[in-house]
PDB file of N, CA and C in Angstrom:
ATOM      1  N   MET A   1    -149.319 -33.215  27.299  1.00  0.00           N
ATOM      2  CA  MET A   1    -148.825 -33.567  25.989  1.00  0.00           C
ATOM      3  C   MET A   1    -148.471 -35.050  26.018  1.00  0.00           C
ATOM      4  N   SER A   2    -148.798 -35.754  24.958  1.00  0.00           N
ATOM      5  CA  SER A   2    -148.454 -37.171  24.907  1.00  0.00           C
ATOM      6  C   SER A   2    -147.094 -37.356  24.233  1.00  0.00           C
ATOM      7  N   LEU A   3    -146.452 -38.458  24.552  1.00  0.00           N
ATOM      8  CA  LEU A   3    -145.106 -38.742  24.058  1.00  0.00           C
ATOM      9  C   LEU A   3    -145.052 -38.755  22.529  1.00  0.00           C
ATOM     10  N   ASP A   4    -146.092 -39.251  21.872  1.00  0.00           N
ATOM     11  CA  ASP A   4    -146.070 -39.317  20.407  1.00  0.00           C
ATOM     12  C   ASP A   4    -146.163 -37.945  19.750  1.00  0.00           C
ATOM     13  N   ARG A   5    -146.509 -36.908  20.483  1.00  0.00           N
ATOM     14  CA  ARG A   5    -146.606 -35.545  19.935  1.00  0.00           C
ATOM     15  C   ARG A   5    -145.382 -34.690  20.293  1.00  0.00           C
ATOM     16  N   LEU A   6    -144.475 -35.230  21.086  1.00  0.00           N
ATOM     17  CA  LEU A   6    -143.274 -34.512  21.489  1.00  0.00           C
ATOM     18  C   LEU A   6    -142.335 -34.374  20.292  1.00  0.00           C
ATOM     19  N   SER A   7    -141.766 -33.211  20.094  1.00  0.00           N
ATOM     20  CA  SER A   7    -140.830 -32.988  18.985  1.00  0.00           C
ATOM     21  C   SER A   7    -139.575 -33.825  19.176  1.00  0.00           C
ATOM     22  N   VAL A   8    -139.023 -34.293  18.079  1.00  0.00           N
ATOM     23  CA  VAL A   8    -137.797 -35.086  18.116  1.00  0.00           C
ATOM     24  C   VAL A   8    -136.699 -34.283  18.803  1.00  0.00           C
ATOM     25  N   GLY A   9    -135.978 -34.912  19.719  1.00  0.00           N
ATOM     26  CA  GLY A   9    -134.869 -34.275  20.409  1.00  0.00           C
ATOM     27  C   GLY A   9    -135.256 -33.496  21.652  1.00  0.00           C
ATOM     28  N   THR A  10    -136.559 -33.384  21.952  1.00  0.00           N
ATOM     29  CA  THR A  10    -137.007 -32.651  23.132  1.00  0.00           C
ATOM     30  C   THR A  10    -136.941 -33.553  24.353  1.00  0.00           C
ATOM     31  N   LYS A  11    -136.279 -33.092  25.398  1.00  0.00           N
ATOM     32  CA  LYS A  11    -136.215 -33.853  26.642  1.00  0.00           C
ATOM     33  C   LYS A  11    -137.517 -33.669  27.399  1.00  0.00           C
ATOM     34  N   ALA A  12    -137.979 -34.745  28.047  1.00  0.00           N
ATOM     35  CA  ALA A  12    -139.238 -34.669  28.786  1.00  0.00           C
ATOM     36  C   ALA A  12    -139.234 -35.678  29.924  1.00  0.00           C
ATOM     37  N   ARG A  13    -140.133 -35.470  30.849  1.00  0.00           N
ATOM     38  CA  ARG A  13    -140.319 -36.360  31.994  1.00  0.00           C
ATOM     39  C   ARG A  13    -141.716 -36.967  31.896  1.00  0.00           C
ATOM     40  N   VAL A  14    -141.846 -38.271  32.172  1.00  0.00           N
ATOM     41  CA  VAL A  14    -143.154 -38.929  32.147  1.00  0.00           C
ATOM     42  C   VAL A  14    -143.976 -38.416  33.324  1.00  0.00           C
ATOM     43  N   SER A  15    -145.198 -37.951  33.033  1.00  0.00           N
ATOM     44  CA  SER A  15    -146.065 -37.454  34.101  1.00  0.00           C
ATOM     45  C   SER A  15    -147.187 -38.431  34.424  1.00  0.00           C
ATOM     46  N   SER A  16    -147.616 -39.234  33.452  1.00  0.00           N
ATOM     47  CA  SER A  16    -148.634 -40.258  33.715  1.00  0.00           C
ATOM     48  C   SER A  16    -148.705 -41.217  32.537  1.00  0.00           C
ATOM     49  N   ILE A  17    -149.329 -42.376  32.777  1.00  0.00           N
ATOM     50  CA  ILE A  17    -149.526 -43.381  31.731  1.00  0.00           C
ATOM     51  C   ILE A  17    -150.986 -43.814  31.758  1.00  0.00           C
ATOM     52  N   GLU A  18    -151.629 -43.786  30.604  1.00  0.00           N
ATOM     53  CA  GLU A  18    -153.020 -44.228  30.484  1.00  0.00           C
ATOM     54  C   GLU A  18    -152.999 -45.729  30.159  1.00  0.00           C
ATOM     55  N   TRP A  19    -152.951 -46.560  31.191  1.00  0.00           N
ATOM     56  CA  TRP A  19    -152.758 -47.999  31.037  1.00  0.00           C
ATOM     57  C   TRP A  19    -153.828 -48.651  30.173  1.00  0.00           C
ATOM     58  N   ALA A  20    -155.077 -48.191  30.237  1.00  0.00           N
ATOM     59  CA  ALA A  20    -156.166 -48.798  29.464  1.00  0.00           C
ATOM     60  C   ALA A  20    -155.988 -48.597  27.960  1.00  0.00           C
ATOM     61  N   ALA A  21    -155.202 -47.625  27.550  1.00  0.00           N
ATOM     62  CA  ALA A  21    -155.017 -47.327  26.127  1.00  0.00           C
ATOM     63  C   ALA A  21    -153.911 -48.154  25.481  1.00  0.00           C
ATOM     64  N   LEU A  22    -153.157 -48.921  26.258  1.00  0.00           N
ATOM     65  CA  LEU A  22    -152.045 -49.681  25.699  1.00  0.00           C
ATOM     66  C   LEU A  22    -152.576 -50.805  24.822  1.00  0.00           C
ATOM     67  N   ASP A  23    -152.195 -50.788  23.559  1.00  0.00           N
ATOM     68  CA  ASP A  23    -152.693 -51.717  22.555  1.00  0.00           C
ATOM     69  C   ASP A  23    -151.633 -51.834  21.464  1.00  0.00           C
ATOM     70  N   ASP A  24    -151.874 -52.673  20.466  1.00  0.00           N
ATOM     71  CA  ASP A  24    -150.924 -52.847  19.367  1.00  0.00           C
ATOM     72  C   ASP A  24    -150.945 -51.665  18.405  1.00  0.00           C
ATOM     73  N   GLY A  25    -149.875 -51.540  17.632  1.00  0.00           N
ATOM     74  CA  GLY A  25    -149.753 -50.467  16.643  1.00  0.00           C
ATOM     75  C   GLY A  25    -148.347 -50.464  16.066  1.00  0.00           C
ATOM     76  N   ASP A  26    -148.044 -49.457  15.264  1.00  0.00           N
ATOM     77  CA  ASP A  26    -146.729 -49.391  14.639  1.00  0.00           C
ATOM     78  C   ASP A  26    -145.671 -48.922  15.635  1.00  0.00           C
ATOM     79  N   PRO A  27    -144.426 -49.413  15.519  1.00  0.00           N
ATOM     80  CA  PRO A  27    -143.384 -49.007  16.470  1.00  0.00           C
ATOM     81  C   PRO A  27    -142.746 -47.659  16.116  1.00  0.00           C
ATOM     82  N   ILE A  28    -142.288 -46.942  17.143  1.00  0.00           N
ATOM     83  CA  ILE A  28    -141.483 -45.733  16.975  1.00  0.00           C
ATOM     84  C   ILE A  28    -140.271 -45.885  17.886  1.00  0.00           C
ATOM     85  N   ALA A  29    -139.215 -45.136  17.622  1.00  0.00           N
ATOM     86  CA  ALA A  29    -138.002 -45.198  18.434  1.00  0.00           C
ATOM     87  C   ALA A  29    -137.964 -44.009  19.377  1.00  0.00           C
ATOM     88  N   ILE A  30    -137.602 -44.259  20.635  1.00  0.00           N
ATOM     89  CA  ILE A  30    -137.427 -43.185  21.613  1.00  0.00           C
ATOM     90  C   ILE A  30    -136.097 -43.386  22.321  1.00  0.00           C
ATOM     91  N   ARG A  31    -135.548 -42.313  22.844  1.00  0.00           N
ATOM     92  CA  ARG A  31    -134.299 -42.403  23.592  1.00  0.00           C
ATOM     93  C   ARG A  31    -134.617 -42.251  25.066  1.00  0.00           C
ATOM     94  N   VAL A  32    -134.098 -43.202  25.856  1.00  0.00           N
ATOM     95  CA  VAL A  32    -134.236 -43.174  27.311  1.00  0.00           C
ATOM     96  C   VAL A  32    -132.817 -43.195  27.857  1.00  0.00           C
ATOM     97  N   GLY A  33    -132.350 -42.047  28.324  1.00  0.00           N
ATOM     98  CA  GLY A  33    -130.949 -41.956  28.734  1.00  0.00           C
ATOM     99  C   GLY A  33    -130.062 -42.168  27.521  1.00  0.00           C
ATOM    100  N   ARG A  34    -129.167 -43.157  27.591  1.00  0.00           N
ATOM    101  CA  ARG A  34    -128.281 -43.457  26.462  1.00  0.00           C
ATOM    102  C   ARG A  34    -128.827 -44.568  25.572  1.00  0.00           C
ATOM    103  N   MET A  35    -129.995 -45.130  25.919  1.00  0.00           N
ATOM    104  CA  MET A  35    -130.579 -46.225  25.145  1.00  0.00           C
ATOM    105  C   MET A  35    -131.599 -45.702  24.142  1.00  0.00           C
ATOM    106  N   THR A  36    -131.669 -46.337  22.994  1.00  0.00           N
ATOM    107  CA  THR A  36    -132.744 -46.081  22.042  1.00  0.00           C
ATOM    108  C   THR A  36    -133.595 -47.339  22.018  1.00  0.00           C
ATOM    109  N   VAL A  37    -134.886 -47.181  22.259  1.00  0.00           N
ATOM    110  CA  VAL A  37    -135.794 -48.323  22.296  1.00  0.00           C
ATOM    111  C   VAL A  37    -136.975 -48.066  21.369  1.00  0.00           C
ATOM    112  N   ALA A  38    -137.585 -49.138  20.899  1.00  0.00           N
ATOM    113  CA  ALA A  38    -138.776 -49.028  20.048  1.00  0.00           C
ATOM    114  C   ALA A  38    -140.008 -49.314  20.894  1.00  0.00           C
ATOM    115  N   ILE A  39    -141.016 -48.461  20.758  1.00  0.00           N
ATOM    116  CA  ILE A  39    -142.305 -48.709  21.397  1.00  0.00           C
ATOM    117  C   ILE A  39    -143.391 -48.454  20.356  1.00  0.00           C
ATOM    118  N   ARG A  40    -144.542 -48.970  20.599  1.00  0.00           N
ATOM    119  CA  ARG A  40    -145.653 -48.774  19.666  1.00  0.00           C
ATOM    120  C   ARG A  40    -146.196 -47.358  19.798  1.00  0.00           C
ATOM    121  N   ARG A  41    -146.577 -46.760  18.659  1.00  0.00           N
ATOM    122  CA  ARG A  41    -147.095 -45.395  18.645  1.00  0.00           C
ATOM    123  C   ARG A  41    -148.306 -45.264  19.563  1.00  0.00           C
ATOM    124  N   ARG A  42    -149.146 -46.283  19.620  1.00  0.00           N
ATOM    125  CA  ARG A  42    -150.324 -46.271  20.504  1.00  0.00           C
ATOM    126  C   ARG A  42    -149.875 -46.172  21.963  1.00  0.00           C
ATOM    127  N   HIS A  43    -148.816 -46.865  22.323  1.00  0.00           N
ATOM    128  CA  HIS A  43    -148.282 -46.790  23.684  1.00  0.00           C
ATOM    129  C   HIS A  43    -147.746 -45.391  23.966  1.00  0.00           C
ATOM    130  N   ALA A  44    -147.038 -44.812  22.994  1.00  0.00           N
ATOM    131  CA  ALA A  44    -146.503 -43.458  23.169  1.00  0.00           C
ATOM    132  C   ALA A  44    -147.634 -42.459  23.372  1.00  0.00           C
ATOM    133  N   GLY A  45    -148.762 -42.678  22.713  1.00  0.00           N
ATOM    134  CA  GLY A  45    -149.915 -41.797  22.877  1.00  0.00           C
ATOM    135  C   GLY A  45    -150.550 -41.901  24.246  1.00  0.00           C
ATOM    136  N   ALA A  46    -150.298 -43.015  24.937  1.00  0.00           N
ATOM    137  CA  ALA A  46    -150.866 -43.223  26.271  1.00  0.00           C
ATOM    138  C   ALA A  46    -149.962 -42.677  27.374  1.00  0.00           C
ATOM    139  N   ILE A  47    -148.766 -42.210  27.010  1.00  0.00           N
ATOM    140  CA  ILE A  47    -147.804 -41.702  27.988  1.00  0.00           C
ATOM    141  C   ILE A  47    -147.791 -40.181  27.932  1.00  0.00           C
ATOM    142  N   SER A  48    -148.168 -39.553  29.035  1.00  0.00           N
ATOM    143  CA  SER A  48    -148.134 -38.085  29.120  1.00  0.00           C
ATOM    144  C   SER A  48    -146.767 -37.651  29.608  1.00  0.00           C
ATOM    145  N   VAL A  49    -146.238 -36.596  28.998  1.00  0.00           N
ATOM    146  CA  VAL A  49    -144.912 -36.102  29.362  1.00  0.00           C
ATOM    147  C   VAL A  49    -144.950 -34.597  29.588  1.00  0.00           C
ATOM    148  N   LEU A  50    -143.975 -34.120  30.334  1.00  0.00           N
ATOM    149  CA  LEU A  50    -143.774 -32.691  30.558  1.00  0.00           C
ATOM    150  C   LEU A  50    -142.399 -32.344  30.017  1.00  0.00           C
ATOM    151  N   PRO A  51    -142.309 -31.468  29.012  1.00  0.00           N
ATOM    152  CA  PRO A  51    -141.004 -31.081  28.475  1.00  0.00           C
ATOM    153  C   PRO A  51    -140.101 -30.506  29.572  1.00  0.00           C
ATOM    154  N   ILE A  52    -138.818 -30.828  29.495  1.00  0.00           N
ATOM    155  CA  ILE A  52    -137.818 -30.314  30.430  1.00  0.00           C
ATOM    156  C   ILE A  52    -137.091 -29.175  29.732  1.00  0.00           C
ATOM    157  N   ARG A  53    -137.014 -28.057  30.358  1.00  0.00           N
ATOM    158  CA  ARG A  53    -136.358 -26.890  29.745  1.00  0.00           C
ATOM    159  C   ARG A  53    -134.964 -26.722  30.285  1.00  0.00           C
TER     160      ARG A  53
END
């Protein structure tokens, strides 16, 4: 599952990053620990995550 498809509020762990797919696009906000950061939606699509239960 890619980060951009993860439901809001779902905790997850990064499993891989598709470096070749990193490109410009619109920003989205994600929470990393206690920080909220903005990343481009295209970048989020290149990051694979595994939901934490």
